[in-house]
Amino acid sequence: QVQVVESGGGVVPTGGSLKLPCEVSGSVVKISRMGWYRGEQRDLVAVMANGETTKYADSVKGRFTISRDNTNHTGYLEMISLKPDDTAVYYCDAGGIEYSRSFSRPFDDWGQGTQVTVSS
């Protein structure tokens, strides 16, 4: 069973920075996609496919960077020049292949979210 856990949220002033880790654990064979979303509607913030292709929401381009450490199945969302509008719960979603009961199968799991608050 795969688990996705975000961390690193907190309260920062306008213009501040945060780096959010997303740890994927369990019987992971391969992670093919990892994405960050925010808010009740889980709006797309950034997504990385196959460890290379990235896509960002227009509102965060140039300020946020998505990355992955393939050695330990951990992804990151590095955020700089934060604005009050960036305040939200940030969720990580990971998809790929897991090993379960002697065979491989796809997985797509969400974390519980981490709160980011940018004070004005």
PDB file of N, CA and C in Angstrom:
ATOM      1  N   GLN A   1       0.851  -1.188   0.000  1.00  0.00           N
ATOM      2  CA  GLN A   1       0.000   0.000   0.000  1.00  0.00           C
ATOM      3  C   GLN A   1       0.886   1.236   0.000  1.00  0.00           C
ATOM      4  N   VAL A   2       0.510   2.197  -0.824  1.00  0.00           N
ATOM      5  CA  VAL A   2       1.302   3.415  -0.972  1.00  0.00           C
ATOM      6  C   VAL A   2       0.735   4.501  -0.072  1.00  0.00           C
ATOM      7  N   GLN A   3       1.625   5.262   0.532  1.00  0.00           N
ATOM      8  CA  GLN A   3       1.221   6.422   1.327  1.00  0.00           C
ATOM      9  C   GLN A   3       1.908   7.669   0.801  1.00  0.00           C
ATOM     10  N   VAL A   4       1.153   8.753   0.778  1.00  0.00           N
ATOM     11  CA  VAL A   4       1.674  10.043   0.324  1.00  0.00           C
ATOM     12  C   VAL A   4       1.540  11.019   1.484  1.00  0.00           C
ATOM     13  N   VAL A   5       2.633  11.647   1.867  1.00  0.00           N
ATOM     14  CA  VAL A   5       2.620  12.558   3.013  1.00  0.00           C
ATOM     15  C   VAL A   5       3.324  13.855   2.653  1.00  0.00           C
ATOM     16  N   GLU A   6       2.583  14.964   2.764  1.00  0.00           N
ATOM     17  CA  GLU A   6       3.177  16.285   2.570  1.00  0.00           C
ATOM     18  C   GLU A   6       3.590  16.860   3.920  1.00  0.00           C
ATOM     19  N   SER A   7       4.515  17.775   3.886  1.00  0.00           N
ATOM     20  CA  SER A   7       4.917  18.498   5.089  1.00  0.00           C
ATOM     21  C   SER A   7       5.519  19.832   4.665  1.00  0.00           C
ATOM     22  N   GLY A   8       5.978  20.599   5.653  1.00  0.00           N
ATOM     23  CA  GLY A   8       6.702  21.831   5.335  1.00  0.00           C
ATOM     24  C   GLY A   8       5.876  23.100   5.305  1.00  0.00           C
ATOM     25  N   GLY A   9       4.569  22.965   5.506  1.00  0.00           N
ATOM     26  CA  GLY A   9       3.734  24.156   5.511  1.00  0.00           C
ATOM     27  C   GLY A   9       3.997  25.026   6.728  1.00  0.00           C
ATOM     28  N   GLY A  10       3.459  26.237   6.697  1.00  0.00           N
ATOM     29  CA  GLY A  10       3.644  27.149   7.814  1.00  0.00           C
ATOM     30  C   GLY A  10       3.168  28.534   7.473  1.00  0.00           C
ATOM     31  N   VAL A  11       3.534  29.484   8.333  1.00  0.00           N
ATOM     32  CA  VAL A  11       3.171  30.889   8.156  1.00  0.00           C
ATOM     33  C   VAL A  11       4.429  31.654   7.756  1.00  0.00           C
ATOM     34  N   VAL A  12       4.345  32.368   6.637  1.00  0.00           N
ATOM     35  CA  VAL A  12       5.480  33.166   6.159  1.00  0.00           C
ATOM     36  C   VAL A  12       4.990  34.546   5.768  1.00  0.00           C
ATOM     37  N   PRO A  13       5.850  35.548   5.802  1.00  0.00           N
ATOM     38  CA  PRO A  13       5.436  36.884   5.370  1.00  0.00           C
ATOM     39  C   PRO A  13       5.433  36.977   3.849  1.00  0.00           C
ATOM     40  N   THR A  14       4.733  37.972   3.334  1.00  0.00           N
ATOM     41  CA  THR A  14       4.758  38.233   1.896  1.00  0.00           C
ATOM     42  C   THR A  14       6.205  38.380   1.420  1.00  0.00           C
ATOM     43  N   GLY A  15       6.502  37.698   0.321  1.00  0.00           N
ATOM     44  CA  GLY A  15       7.867  37.698  -0.195  1.00  0.00           C
ATOM     45  C   GLY A  15       8.723  36.569   0.328  1.00  0.00           C
ATOM     46  N   GLY A  16       8.204  35.832   1.280  1.00  0.00           N
ATOM     47  CA  GLY A  16       8.957  34.739   1.877  1.00  0.00           C
ATOM     48  C   GLY A  16       9.012  33.497   1.004  1.00  0.00           C
ATOM     49  N   SER A  17       9.655  32.457   1.536  1.00  0.00           N
ATOM     50  CA  SER A  17       9.855  31.214   0.793  1.00  0.00           C
ATOM     51  C   SER A  17       9.515  30.012   1.657  1.00  0.00           C
ATOM     52  N   LEU A  18       9.107  28.945   1.004  1.00  0.00           N
ATOM     53  CA  LEU A  18       8.879  27.657   1.650  1.00  0.00           C
ATOM     54  C   LEU A  18       9.221  26.553   0.662  1.00  0.00           C
ATOM     55  N   LYS A  19       9.633  25.402   1.208  1.00  0.00           N
ATOM     56  CA  LYS A  19       9.857  24.219   0.375  1.00  0.00           C
ATOM     57  C   LYS A  19       9.073  23.071   0.979  1.00  0.00           C
ATOM     58  N   LEU A  20       8.121  22.539   0.210  1.00  0.00           N
ATOM     59  CA  LEU A  20       7.239  21.488   0.683  1.00  0.00           C
ATOM     60  C   LEU A  20       7.726  20.131   0.167  1.00  0.00           C
ATOM     61  N   PRO A  21       8.046  19.197   1.049  1.00  0.00           N
ATOM     62  CA  PRO A  21       8.353  17.841   0.603  1.00  0.00           C
ATOM     63  C   PRO A  21       7.088  17.006   0.462  1.00  0.00           C
ATOM     64  N   CYS A  22       7.125  16.041  -0.443  1.00  0.00           N
ATOM     65  CA  CYS A  22       6.054  15.053  -0.607  1.00  0.00           C
ATOM     66  C   CYS A  22       6.722  13.677  -0.609  1.00  0.00           C
ATOM     67  N   GLU A  23       6.548  12.952   0.466  1.00  0.00           N
ATOM     68  CA  GLU A  23       7.178  11.634   0.593  1.00  0.00           C
ATOM     69  C   GLU A  23       6.200  10.537   0.182  1.00  0.00           C
ATOM     70  N   VAL A  24       6.634   9.696  -0.726  1.00  0.00           N
ATOM     71  CA  VAL A  24       5.825   8.572  -1.194  1.00  0.00           C
ATOM     72  C   VAL A  24       6.488   7.301  -0.680  1.00  0.00           C
ATOM     73  N   SER A  25       5.748   6.529   0.107  1.00  0.00           N
ATOM     74  CA  SER A  25       6.334   5.323   0.708  1.00  0.00           C
ATOM     75  C   SER A  25       5.441   4.116   0.443  1.00  0.00           C
ATOM     76  N   GLY A  26       5.972   2.935   0.757  1.00  0.00           N
ATOM     77  CA  GLY A  26       5.246   1.695   0.529  1.00  0.00           C
ATOM     78  C   GLY A  26       5.890   0.906  -0.593  1.00  0.00           C
ATOM     79  N   SER A  27       5.125   0.027  -1.186  1.00  0.00           N
ATOM     80  CA  SER A  27       5.656  -0.871  -2.211  1.00  0.00           C
ATOM     81  C   SER A  27       5.652  -0.187  -3.581  1.00  0.00           C
ATOM     82  N   VAL A  28       6.401   0.887  -3.678  1.00  0.00           N
ATOM     83  CA  VAL A  28       6.443   1.667  -4.915  1.00  0.00           C
ATOM     84  C   VAL A  28       7.429   1.043  -5.891  1.00  0.00           C
ATOM     85  N   VAL A  29       6.958   0.748  -7.073  1.00  0.00           N
ATOM     86  CA  VAL A  29       7.837   0.258  -8.138  1.00  0.00           C
ATOM     87  C   VAL A  29       8.337   1.440  -8.965  1.00  0.00           C
ATOM     88  N   LYS A  30       7.404   2.338  -9.267  1.00  0.00           N
ATOM     89  CA  LYS A  30       7.761   3.465 -10.141  1.00  0.00           C
ATOM     90  C   LYS A  30       6.784   4.599  -9.885  1.00  0.00           C
ATOM     91  N   ILE A  31       7.285   5.824  -9.836  1.00  0.00           N
ATOM     92  CA  ILE A  31       6.428   7.008  -9.802  1.00  0.00           C
ATOM     93  C   ILE A  31       6.500   7.650 -11.174  1.00  0.00           C
ATOM     94  N   SER A  32       5.382   7.741 -11.857  1.00  0.00           N
ATOM     95  CA  SER A  32       5.372   8.322 -13.194  1.00  0.00           C
ATOM     96  C   SER A  32       4.863   9.758 -13.204  1.00  0.00           C
ATOM     97  N   ARG A  33       4.161  10.128 -12.150  1.00  0.00           N
ATOM     98  CA  ARG A  33       3.596  11.474 -12.111  1.00  0.00           C
ATOM     99  C   ARG A  33       3.522  11.938 -10.662  1.00  0.00           C
ATOM    100  N   MET A  34       3.851  13.212 -10.455  1.00  0.00           N
ATOM    101  CA  MET A  34       3.681  13.813  -9.138  1.00  0.00           C
ATOM    102  C   MET A  34       3.204  15.245  -9.345  1.00  0.00           C
ATOM    103  N   GLY A  35       2.174  15.611  -8.611  1.00  0.00           N
ATOM    104  CA  GLY A  35       1.617  16.947  -8.794  1.00  0.00           C
ATOM    105  C   GLY A  35       1.271  17.601  -7.479  1.00  0.00           C
ATOM    106  N   TRP A  36       1.205  18.915  -7.509  1.00  0.00           N
ATOM    107  CA  TRP A  36       0.807  19.722  -6.363  1.00  0.00           C
ATOM    108  C   TRP A  36      -0.451  20.506  -6.726  1.00  0.00           C
ATOM    109  N   TYR A  37      -1.382  20.528  -5.783  1.00  0.00           N
ATOM    110  CA  TYR A  37      -2.655  21.198  -5.979  1.00  0.00           C
ATOM    111  C   TYR A  37      -2.960  21.985  -4.708  1.00  0.00           C
ATOM    112  N   ARG A  38      -3.877  22.944  -4.818  1.00  0.00           N
ATOM    113  CA  ARG A  38      -4.182  23.713  -3.613  1.00  0.00           C
ATOM    114  C   ARG A  38      -5.633  24.115  -3.562  1.00  0.00           C
ATOM    115  N   GLY A  39      -6.119  24.329  -2.336  1.00  0.00           N
ATOM    116  CA  GLY A  39      -7.470  24.808  -2.115  1.00  0.00           C
ATOM    117  C   GLY A  39      -8.526  23.719  -2.110  1.00  0.00           C
ATOM    118  N   GLU A  40      -9.769  24.151  -1.790  1.00  0.00           N
ATOM    119  CA  GLU A  40     -10.875  23.199  -1.729  1.00  0.00           C
ATOM    120  C   GLU A  40     -11.139  22.564  -3.083  1.00  0.00           C
ATOM    121  N   GLN A  41     -10.922  23.312  -4.150  1.00  0.00           N
ATOM    122  CA  GLN A  41     -11.144  22.794  -5.496  1.00  0.00           C
ATOM    123  C   GLN A  41      -9.954  22.006  -6.019  1.00  0.00           C
ATOM    124  N   ARG A  42      -8.902  21.968  -5.211  1.00  0.00           N
ATOM    125  CA  ARG A  42      -7.656  21.295  -5.603  1.00  0.00           C
ATOM    126  C   ARG A  42      -7.213  21.766  -6.989  1.00  0.00           C
ATOM    127  N   ASP A  43      -7.005  23.058  -7.083  1.00  0.00           N
ATOM    128  CA  ASP A  43      -6.533  23.655  -8.330  1.00  0.00           C
ATOM    129  C   ASP A  43      -5.089  23.249  -8.578  1.00  0.00           C
ATOM    130  N   LEU A  44      -4.781  23.001  -9.825  1.00  0.00           N
ATOM    131  CA  LEU A  44      -3.422  22.609 -10.188  1.00  0.00           C
ATOM    132  C   LEU A  44      -2.441  23.736  -9.882  1.00  0.00           C
ATOM    133  N   VAL A  45      -1.345  23.370  -9.228  1.00  0.00           N
ATOM    134  CA  VAL A  45      -0.251  24.310  -9.001  1.00  0.00           C
ATOM    135  C   VAL A  45       0.910  23.947  -9.930  1.00  0.00           C
ATOM    136  N   ALA A  46       1.337  22.687  -9.852  1.00  0.00           N
ATOM    137  CA  ALA A  46       2.454  22.225 -10.680  1.00  0.00           C
ATOM    138  C   ALA A  46       2.391  20.710 -10.781  1.00  0.00           C
ATOM    139  N   VAL A  47       2.851  20.181 -11.890  1.00  0.00           N
ATOM    140  CA  VAL A  47       2.870  18.734 -12.079  1.00  0.00           C
ATOM    141  C   VAL A  47       4.113  18.352 -12.865  1.00  0.00           C
ATOM    142  N   MET A  48       4.667  17.201 -12.515  1.00  0.00           N
ATOM    143  CA  MET A  48       5.839  16.673 -13.219  1.00  0.00           C
ATOM    144  C   MET A  48       5.518  15.259 -13.673  1.00  0.00           C
ATOM    145  N   ALA A  49       5.766  14.962 -14.948  1.00  0.00           N
ATOM    146  CA  ALA A  49       5.519  13.633 -15.498  1.00  0.00           C
ATOM    147  C   ALA A  49       6.834  13.006 -15.937  1.00  0.00           C
ATOM    148  N   ASN A  50       6.981  11.747 -15.627  1.00  0.00           N
ATOM    149  CA  ASN A  50       8.162  10.979 -16.040  1.00  0.00           C
ATOM    150  C   ASN A  50       9.470  11.642 -15.610  1.00  0.00           C
ATOM    151  N   GLY A  51       9.425  12.366 -14.529  1.00  0.00           N
ATOM    152  CA  GLY A  51      10.631  12.974 -13.984  1.00  0.00           C
ATOM    153  C   GLY A  51      11.196  14.124 -14.773  1.00  0.00           C
ATOM    154  N   GLU A  52      10.479  14.540 -15.851  1.00  0.00           N
ATOM    155  CA  GLU A  52      11.049  15.582 -16.705  1.00  0.00           C
ATOM    156  C   GLU A  52      10.043  16.663 -17.075  1.00  0.00           C
ATOM    157  N   THR A  53       8.949  16.282 -17.678  1.00  0.00           N
ATOM    158  CA  THR A  53       7.980  17.242 -18.198  1.00  0.00           C
ATOM    159  C   THR A  53       7.247  17.924 -17.052  1.00  0.00           C
ATOM    160  N   THR A  54       7.244  19.247 -17.067  1.00  0.00           N
ATOM    161  CA  THR A  54       6.594  20.003 -16.006  1.00  0.00           C
ATOM    162  C   THR A  54       5.549  20.951 -16.580  1.00  0.00           C
ATOM    163  N   LYS A  55       4.564  21.236 -15.748  1.00  0.00           N
ATOM    164  CA  LYS A  55       3.524  22.200 -16.108  1.00  0.00           C
ATOM    165  C   LYS A  55       3.183  22.987 -14.859  1.00  0.00           C
ATOM    166  N   TYR A  56       3.011  24.293 -15.018  1.00  0.00           N
ATOM    167  CA  TYR A  56       2.709  25.165 -13.889  1.00  0.00           C
ATOM    168  C   TYR A  56       1.459  25.994 -14.165  1.00  0.00           C
ATOM    169  N   ALA A  57       0.743  26.304 -13.097  1.00  0.00           N
ATOM    170  CA  ALA A  57      -0.335  27.282 -13.211  1.00  0.00           C
ATOM    171  C   ALA A  57       0.282  28.639 -13.546  1.00  0.00           C
ATOM    172  N   ASP A  58      -0.407  29.434 -14.344  1.00  0.00           N
ATOM    173  CA  ASP A  58       0.126  30.739 -14.749  1.00  0.00           C
ATOM    174  C   ASP A  58       0.468  31.601 -13.532  1.00  0.00           C
ATOM    175  N   SER A  59      -0.319  31.473 -12.484  1.00  0.00           N
ATOM    176  CA  SER A  59      -0.147  32.332 -11.310  1.00  0.00           C
ATOM    177  C   SER A  59       1.134  32.048 -10.529  1.00  0.00           C
ATOM    178  N   VAL A  60       1.765  30.894 -10.783  1.00  0.00           N
ATOM    179  CA  VAL A  60       2.969  30.554 -10.011  1.00  0.00           C
ATOM    180  C   VAL A  60       4.218  30.450 -10.867  1.00  0.00           C
ATOM    181  N   LYS A  61       4.069  30.602 -12.172  1.00  0.00           N
ATOM    182  CA  LYS A  61       5.226  30.488 -13.062  1.00  0.00           C
ATOM    183  C   LYS A  61       6.298  31.500 -12.676  1.00  0.00           C
ATOM    184  N   GLY A  62       7.528  31.011 -12.619  1.00  0.00           N
ATOM    185  CA  GLY A  62       8.640  31.872 -12.248  1.00  0.00           C
ATOM    186  C   GLY A  62       8.859  31.994 -10.758  1.00  0.00           C
ATOM    187  N   ARG A  63       7.896  31.522  -9.970  1.00  0.00           N
ATOM    188  CA  ARG A  63       8.031  31.602  -8.509  1.00  0.00           C
ATOM    189  C   ARG A  63       8.105  30.220  -7.855  1.00  0.00           C
ATOM    190  N   PHE A  64       7.427  29.244  -8.430  1.00  0.00           N
ATOM    191  CA  PHE A  64       7.386  27.899  -7.866  1.00  0.00           C
ATOM    192  C   PHE A  64       8.168  26.941  -8.762  1.00  0.00           C
ATOM    193  N   THR A  65       8.810  25.960  -8.135  1.00  0.00           N
ATOM    194  CA  THR A  65       9.547  24.943  -8.877  1.00  0.00           C
ATOM    195  C   THR A  65       9.232  23.565  -8.309  1.00  0.00           C
ATOM    196  N   ILE A  66       8.816  22.660  -9.196  1.00  0.00           N
ATOM    197  CA  ILE A  66       8.556  21.277  -8.788  1.00  0.00           C
ATOM    198  C   ILE A  66       9.779  20.442  -9.129  1.00  0.00           C
ATOM    199  N   SER A  67      10.131  19.527  -8.231  1.00  0.00           N
ATOM    200  CA  SER A  67      11.293  18.680  -8.472  1.00  0.00           C
ATOM    201  C   SER A  67      11.087  17.327  -7.803  1.00  0.00           C
ATOM    202  N   ARG A  68      11.963  16.390  -8.130  1.00  0.00           N
ATOM    203  CA  ARG A  68      11.882  15.053  -7.546  1.00  0.00           C
ATOM    204  C   ARG A  68      13.265  14.532  -7.221  1.00  0.00           C
ATOM    205  N   ASP A  69      13.355  13.765  -6.138  1.00  0.00           N
ATOM    206  CA  ASP A  69      14.557  13.017  -5.794  1.00  0.00           C
ATOM    207  C   ASP A  69      14.215  11.558  -6.016  1.00  0.00           C
ATOM    208  N   ASN A  70      14.674  10.990  -7.128  1.00  0.00           N
ATOM    209  CA  ASN A  70      14.279   9.627  -7.478  1.00  0.00           C
ATOM    210  C   ASN A  70      14.899   8.571  -6.568  1.00  0.00           C
ATOM    211  N   THR A  71      15.895   8.946  -5.797  1.00  0.00           N
ATOM    212  CA  THR A  71      16.547   7.951  -4.933  1.00  0.00           C
ATOM    213  C   THR A  71      15.677   7.560  -3.751  1.00  0.00           C
ATOM    214  N   ASN A  72      14.762   8.453  -3.366  1.00  0.00           N
ATOM    215  CA  ASN A  72      13.948   8.137  -2.193  1.00  0.00           C
ATOM    216  C   ASN A  72      12.472   8.446  -2.401  1.00  0.00           C
ATOM    217  N   HIS A  73      12.022   8.519  -3.638  1.00  0.00           N
ATOM    218  CA  HIS A  73      10.609   8.725  -3.948  1.00  0.00           C
ATOM    219  C   HIS A  73      10.047   9.958  -3.239  1.00  0.00           C
ATOM    220  N   THR A  74      10.785  11.030  -3.240  1.00  0.00           N
ATOM    221  CA  THR A  74      10.327  12.270  -2.617  1.00  0.00           C
ATOM    222  C   THR A  74      10.275  13.388  -3.648  1.00  0.00           C
ATOM    223  N   GLY A  75       9.176  14.109  -3.630  1.00  0.00           N
ATOM    224  CA  GLY A  75       9.047  15.271  -4.488  1.00  0.00           C
ATOM    225  C   GLY A  75       9.046  16.542  -3.667  1.00  0.00           C
ATOM    226  N   TYR A  76       9.258  17.657  -4.339  1.00  0.00           N
ATOM    227  CA  TYR A  76       9.321  18.933  -3.641  1.00  0.00           C
ATOM    228  C   TYR A  76       8.598  20.014  -4.435  1.00  0.00           C
ATOM    229  N   LEU A  77       8.052  20.967  -3.715  1.00  0.00           N
ATOM    230  CA  LEU A  77       7.532  22.184  -4.323  1.00  0.00           C
ATOM    231  C   LEU A  77       8.249  23.340  -3.629  1.00  0.00           C
ATOM    232  N   GLU A  78       9.132  23.994  -4.346  1.00  0.00           N
ATOM    233  CA  GLU A  78       9.862  25.125  -3.796  1.00  0.00           C
ATOM    234  C   GLU A  78       9.141  26.405  -4.215  1.00  0.00           C
ATOM    235  N   MET A  79       8.815  27.216  -3.230  1.00  0.00           N
ATOM    236  CA  MET A  79       8.014  28.417  -3.465  1.00  0.00           C
ATOM    237  C   MET A  79       8.792  29.637  -2.987  1.00  0.00           C
ATOM    238  N   ILE A  80       8.936  30.614  -3.859  1.00  0.00           N
ATOM    239  CA  ILE A  80       9.580  31.875  -3.495  1.00  0.00           C
ATOM    240  C   ILE A  80       8.640  33.028  -3.823  1.00  0.00           C
ATOM    241  N   SER A  81       8.992  34.208  -3.335  1.00  0.00           N
ATOM    242  CA  SER A  81       8.185  35.407  -3.590  1.00  0.00           C
ATOM    243  C   SER A  81       6.711  35.150  -3.305  1.00  0.00           C
ATOM    244  N   LEU A  82       6.431  34.564  -2.170  1.00  0.00           N
ATOM    245  CA  LEU A  82       5.060  34.183  -1.826  1.00  0.00           C
ATOM    246  C   LEU A  82       4.181  35.405  -1.638  1.00  0.00           C
ATOM    247  N   LYS A  83       2.922  35.247  -2.025  1.00  0.00           N
ATOM    248  CA  LYS A  83       1.917  36.306  -1.931  1.00  0.00           C
ATOM    249  C   LYS A  83       0.764  35.822  -1.065  1.00  0.00           C
ATOM    250  N   PRO A  84      -0.021  36.744  -0.488  1.00  0.00           N
ATOM    251  CA  PRO A  84      -1.186  36.322   0.290  1.00  0.00           C
ATOM    252  C   PRO A  84      -2.143  35.419  -0.508  1.00  0.00           C
ATOM    253  N   ASP A  85      -2.248  35.629  -1.817  1.00  0.00           N
ATOM    254  CA  ASP A  85      -3.114  34.787  -2.655  1.00  0.00           C
ATOM    255  C   ASP A  85      -2.638  33.334  -2.715  1.00  0.00           C
ATOM    256  N   ASP A  86      -1.407  33.083  -2.309  1.00  0.00           N
ATOM    257  CA  ASP A  86      -0.899  31.702  -2.299  1.00  0.00           C
ATOM    258  C   ASP A  86      -1.360  30.932  -1.058  1.00  0.00           C
ATOM    259  N   THR A  87      -2.009  31.622  -0.133  1.00  0.00           N
ATOM    260  CA  THR A  87      -2.499  30.967   1.075  1.00  0.00           C
ATOM    261  C   THR A  87      -3.514  29.890   0.729  1.00  0.00           C
ATOM    262  N   ALA A  88      -3.267  28.663   1.177  1.00  0.00           N
ATOM    263  CA  ALA A  88      -4.158  27.535   0.881  1.00  0.00           C
ATOM    264  C   ALA A  88      -3.604  26.281   1.550  1.00  0.00           C
ATOM    265  N   VAL A  89      -4.414  25.229   1.537  1.00  0.00           N
ATOM    266  CA  VAL A  89      -3.910  23.894   1.857  1.00  0.00           C
ATOM    267  C   VAL A  89      -3.345  23.322   0.563  1.00  0.00           C
ATOM    268  N   TYR A  90      -2.109  22.852   0.635  1.00  0.00           N
ATOM    269  CA  TYR A  90      -1.428  22.295  -0.533  1.00  0.00           C
ATOM    270  C   TYR A  90      -1.427  20.768  -0.440  1.00  0.00           C
ATOM    271  N   TYR A  91      -1.858  20.147  -1.528  1.00  0.00           N
ATOM    272  CA  TYR A  91      -1.967  18.685  -1.590  1.00  0.00           C
ATOM    273  C   TYR A  91      -1.000  18.129  -2.634  1.00  0.00           C
ATOM    274  N   CYS A  92      -0.436  16.975  -2.314  1.00  0.00           N
ATOM    275  CA  CYS A  92       0.413  16.258  -3.263  1.00  0.00           C
ATOM    276  C   CYS A  92      -0.346  15.032  -3.770  1.00  0.00           C
ATOM    277  N   ASP A  93      -0.237  14.802  -5.053  1.00  0.00           N
ATOM    278  CA  ASP A  93      -0.831  13.628  -5.684  1.00  0.00           C
ATOM    279  C   ASP A  93       0.270  12.883  -6.432  1.00  0.00           C
ATOM    280  N   ALA A  94       0.387  11.595  -6.171  1.00  0.00           N
ATOM    281  CA  ALA A  94       1.407  10.795  -6.841  1.00  0.00           C
ATOM    282  C   ALA A  94       0.762   9.617  -7.530  1.00  0.00           C
ATOM    283  N   GLY A  95       1.246   9.308  -8.723  1.00  0.00           N
ATOM    284  CA  GLY A  95       0.728   8.177  -9.475  1.00  0.00           C
ATOM    285  C   GLY A  95       1.862   7.382 -10.074  1.00  0.00           C
ATOM    286  N   GLY A  96       1.638   6.076 -10.202  1.00  0.00           N
ATOM    287  CA  GLY A  96       2.676   5.229 -10.766  1.00  0.00           C
ATOM    288  C   GLY A  96       2.300   3.769 -10.669  1.00  0.00           C
ATOM    289  N   ILE A  97       3.291   2.940 -10.345  1.00  0.00           N
ATOM    290  CA  ILE A  97       3.090   1.505 -10.237  1.00  0.00           C
ATOM    291  C   ILE A  97       3.528   1.044  -8.839  1.00  0.00           C
ATOM    292  N   GLU A  98       2.688   0.228  -8.200  1.00  0.00           N
ATOM    293  CA  GLU A  98       3.047  -0.374  -6.921  1.00  0.00           C
ATOM    294  C   GLU A  98       3.042  -1.889  -7.041  1.00  0.00           C
ATOM    295  N   TYR A  99       3.720  -2.524  -6.111  1.00  0.00           N
ATOM    296  CA  TYR A  99       3.781  -3.982  -6.072  1.00  0.00           C
ATOM    297  C   TYR A  99       2.874  -4.458  -4.948  1.00  0.00           C
ATOM    298  N   SER A 100       1.883  -5.272  -5.308  1.00  0.00           N
ATOM    299  CA  SER A 100       0.914  -5.698  -4.307  1.00  0.00           C
ATOM    300  C   SER A 100       0.489  -7.128  -4.568  1.00  0.00           C
ATOM    301  N   ARG A 101       0.619  -7.962  -3.549  1.00  0.00           N
ATOM    302  CA  ARG A 101       0.144  -9.350  -3.626  1.00  0.00           C
ATOM    303  C   ARG A 101       0.696 -10.070  -4.850  1.00  0.00           C
ATOM    304  N   SER A 102       1.976  -9.977  -5.037  1.00  0.00           N
ATOM    305  CA  SER A 102       2.702 -10.724  -6.068  1.00  0.00           C
ATOM    306  C   SER A 102       2.480 -10.205  -7.482  1.00  0.00           C
ATOM    307  N   PHE A 103       1.875  -9.056  -7.642  1.00  0.00           N
ATOM    308  CA  PHE A 103       1.791  -8.477  -8.971  1.00  0.00           C
ATOM    309  C   PHE A 103       1.821  -6.960  -8.878  1.00  0.00           C
ATOM    310  N   SER A 104       2.083  -6.352 -10.006  1.00  0.00           N
ATOM    311  CA  SER A 104       2.175  -4.891 -10.068  1.00  0.00           C
ATOM    312  C   SER A 104       0.839  -4.315 -10.524  1.00  0.00           C
ATOM    313  N   ARG A 105       0.527  -3.148  -9.999  1.00  0.00           N
ATOM    314  CA  ARG A 105      -0.703  -2.476 -10.396  1.00  0.00           C
ATOM    315  C   ARG A 105      -0.507  -0.979 -10.277  1.00  0.00           C
ATOM    316  N   PRO A 106      -1.315  -0.203 -10.985  1.00  0.00           N
ATOM    317  CA  PRO A 106      -1.168   1.250 -10.899  1.00  0.00           C
ATOM    318  C   PRO A 106      -1.703   1.792  -9.569  1.00  0.00           C
ATOM    319  N   PHE A 107      -1.180   2.913  -9.135  1.00  0.00           N
ATOM    320  CA  PHE A 107      -1.715   3.610  -7.974  1.00  0.00           C
ATOM    321  C   PHE A 107      -1.831   5.095  -8.285  1.00  0.00           C
ATOM    322  N   ASP A 108      -2.691   5.745  -7.559  1.00  0.00           N
ATOM    323  CA  ASP A 108      -2.887   7.190  -7.640  1.00  0.00           C
ATOM    324  C   ASP A 108      -3.402   7.618  -6.277  1.00  0.00           C
ATOM    325  N   ASP A 109      -2.544   8.218  -5.486  1.00  0.00           N
ATOM    326  CA  ASP A 109      -2.893   8.517  -4.095  1.00  0.00           C
ATOM    327  C   ASP A 109      -2.598   9.977  -3.760  1.00  0.00           C
ATOM    328  N   TRP A 110      -3.409  10.512  -2.853  1.00  0.00           N
ATOM    329  CA  TRP A 110      -3.282  11.889  -2.387  1.00  0.00           C
ATOM    330  C   TRP A 110      -2.788  11.906  -0.947  1.00  0.00           C
ATOM    331  N   GLY A 111      -2.081  12.970  -0.605  1.00  0.00           N
ATOM    332  CA  GLY A 111      -1.729  13.214   0.778  1.00  0.00           C
ATOM    333  C   GLY A 111      -2.847  13.947   1.492  1.00  0.00           C
ATOM    334  N   GLN A 112      -2.612  14.205   2.773  1.00  0.00           N
ATOM    335  CA  GLN A 112      -3.639  14.824   3.598  1.00  0.00           C
ATOM    336  C   GLN A 112      -3.623  16.342   3.522  1.00  0.00           C
ATOM    337  N   GLY A 113      -2.588  16.906   2.930  1.00  0.00           N
ATOM    338  CA  GLY A 113      -2.486  18.347   2.761  1.00  0.00           C
ATOM    339  C   GLY A 113      -1.651  19.013   3.835  1.00  0.00           C
ATOM    340  N   THR A 114      -1.067  20.151   3.482  1.00  0.00           N
ATOM    341  CA  THR A 114      -0.308  20.950   4.437  1.00  0.00           C
ATOM    342  C   THR A 114      -0.670  22.425   4.224  1.00  0.00           C
ATOM    343  N   GLN A 115      -0.913  23.116   5.322  1.00  0.00           N
ATOM    344  CA  GLN A 115      -1.395  24.499   5.259  1.00  0.00           C
ATOM    345  C   GLN A 115      -0.241  25.467   5.021  1.00  0.00           C
ATOM    346  N   VAL A 116      -0.418  26.324   4.044  1.00  0.00           N
ATOM    347  CA  VAL A 116       0.529  27.418   3.795  1.00  0.00           C
ATOM    348  C   VAL A 116      -0.228  28.727   3.978  1.00  0.00           C
ATOM    349  N   THR A 117       0.269  29.579   4.838  1.00  0.00           N
ATOM    350  CA  THR A 117      -0.357  30.871   5.091  1.00  0.00           C
ATOM    351  C   THR A 117       0.672  31.975   4.843  1.00  0.00           C
ATOM    352  N   VAL A 118       0.323  32.909   3.964  1.00  0.00           N
ATOM    353  CA  VAL A 118       1.213  34.025   3.660  1.00  0.00           C
ATOM    354  C   VAL A 118       0.590  35.284   4.237  1.00  0.00           C
ATOM    355  N   SER A 119       1.249  35.869   5.188  1.00  0.00           N
ATOM    356  CA  SER A 119       0.706  37.053   5.863  1.00  0.00           C
ATOM    357  C   SER A 119       1.053  38.320   5.083  1.00  0.00           C
ATOM    358  N   SER A 120       0.101  39.269   5.105  1.00  0.00           N
ATOM    359  CA  SER A 120       0.300  40.521   4.354  1.00  0.00           C
ATOM    360  C   SER A 120       0.964  41.574   5.227  1.00  0.00           C
TER     361      SER A 120
END
